[in-house]
Amino acid sequence: MRVAVYYSNRDVRVENRPRPKAGPGELVFRVMASGVCGSDVMEWYRLTKAPVVLGHEVAGEVVEIGAGLAGFAVGDRIVTTHHVPCNECRYCLAGQHPVCDTLRTTSFDPGGFAEFVRLPAANVLRGTFAVSDRVTYEEASFVEPLACVARGQRIAGGAAGKTVAVLGSGISGLLHILWARAHGAAKILATDIHPFRLDAARRAGAAVTIDARQQDVPARIQEANEGRAADLVIVCTASLSAVGQAMHAVDRGGTILFFALFPPGVTFPFPVYELGKDGITIVHSYAGPPADMRTALDAIAARRVDVASLITHRLPLAETGDAFRLVEEAGESLKVIVEPQR
């Protein structure tokens, strides 16, 4: 089978490997859609693992069932996730699935930028869901990133009735806008430094968009919100300037959700007195546990979240390198989908 092997952002090679086989409790599926995540092009995060087949935002069709596996059949349409928790450790029982040791060791074989993927038994059991015919494969490939968004807003207290400010309108920021809009946010404001993404934020549901290069973000948020800061500020860009803006853009009693991944060693001087005086809550979220995967899939199937509107590019497996370039350059692209069967 063909796989796209990552050596660096500018060196992604299509190579041939044997098709994996399903062991007991496992399955193999044909990858029909594989989204490029922003984390796929973070070289500080990926280069130490290279060469590697990346791709974790996937959906496809079951082609092989391992011995003893019940509940799935050849031909089933599925969506799955590469990282699954044990659901039994002290962290999982406390709702902190992202820090579960099992979650950090589970993965695909080889990765979503391949014609076929073997799912280990743990991934089948705790992270794989049937997809109805009314959901396309490319829509289903959004389930994993949308589950991450769902968890983030859930642990941040939800968006219902709140003024939500999304700092950074890349693909994760846009998913946050769509999710907040679908869950009753009173007003959504969004920032970015690129006109293309600001336009996308408006289409996704942001009532006010702010050019972070040209405007004072906290002041503009208060101006657009009748003199009051935001109840929930979601930082979707790994920018220290956005962290500083968040500190001044959140209202008393409000919450800041750090969603973007920063490289190791990055620090920021927090205004500890002001945060305590104003009762500001700071939370961070990573990954989307199985319950959030189900929630995200249900929202997509019910058309409460229009993820398809975010797709700007669809490329065959042979052009995975171009897909990475589009995402890395962050120009006029939003969600880039690789179609391994082309």
Foldseek 3Di string as FASTA:
>chain_A
DWAFWDQALQDTAIDDDDADAEAALKFKWFWFKFWDDLVNHPCLNPNVPPRAGETFLTWGFTQGDHPPHPDDDGGFTKTWGQFAAPCPDPCNVVVNRVVHPRRVPGGWVGYNLARMIMHPNRRVVWTMDTADPLADGNNSSCLWLLLQLVVLCVVQPAQAAWEEEEEAQFQSSLSNLLRNVLRHHPAYEYEDQAPLSQVSSVVSPHPYYDNPVPDLLLVVQCVVVVNFATQEYEYADQDVVVVVSVLSRHGQLHEYEYEHDYRPPDDDDDPVVVCVVSVYHYYYTDTRHRVSSVVSSVCVSVVSGDSVVQADEEEESNCVSVSSVCSVVVHNHHMYMYGDVD
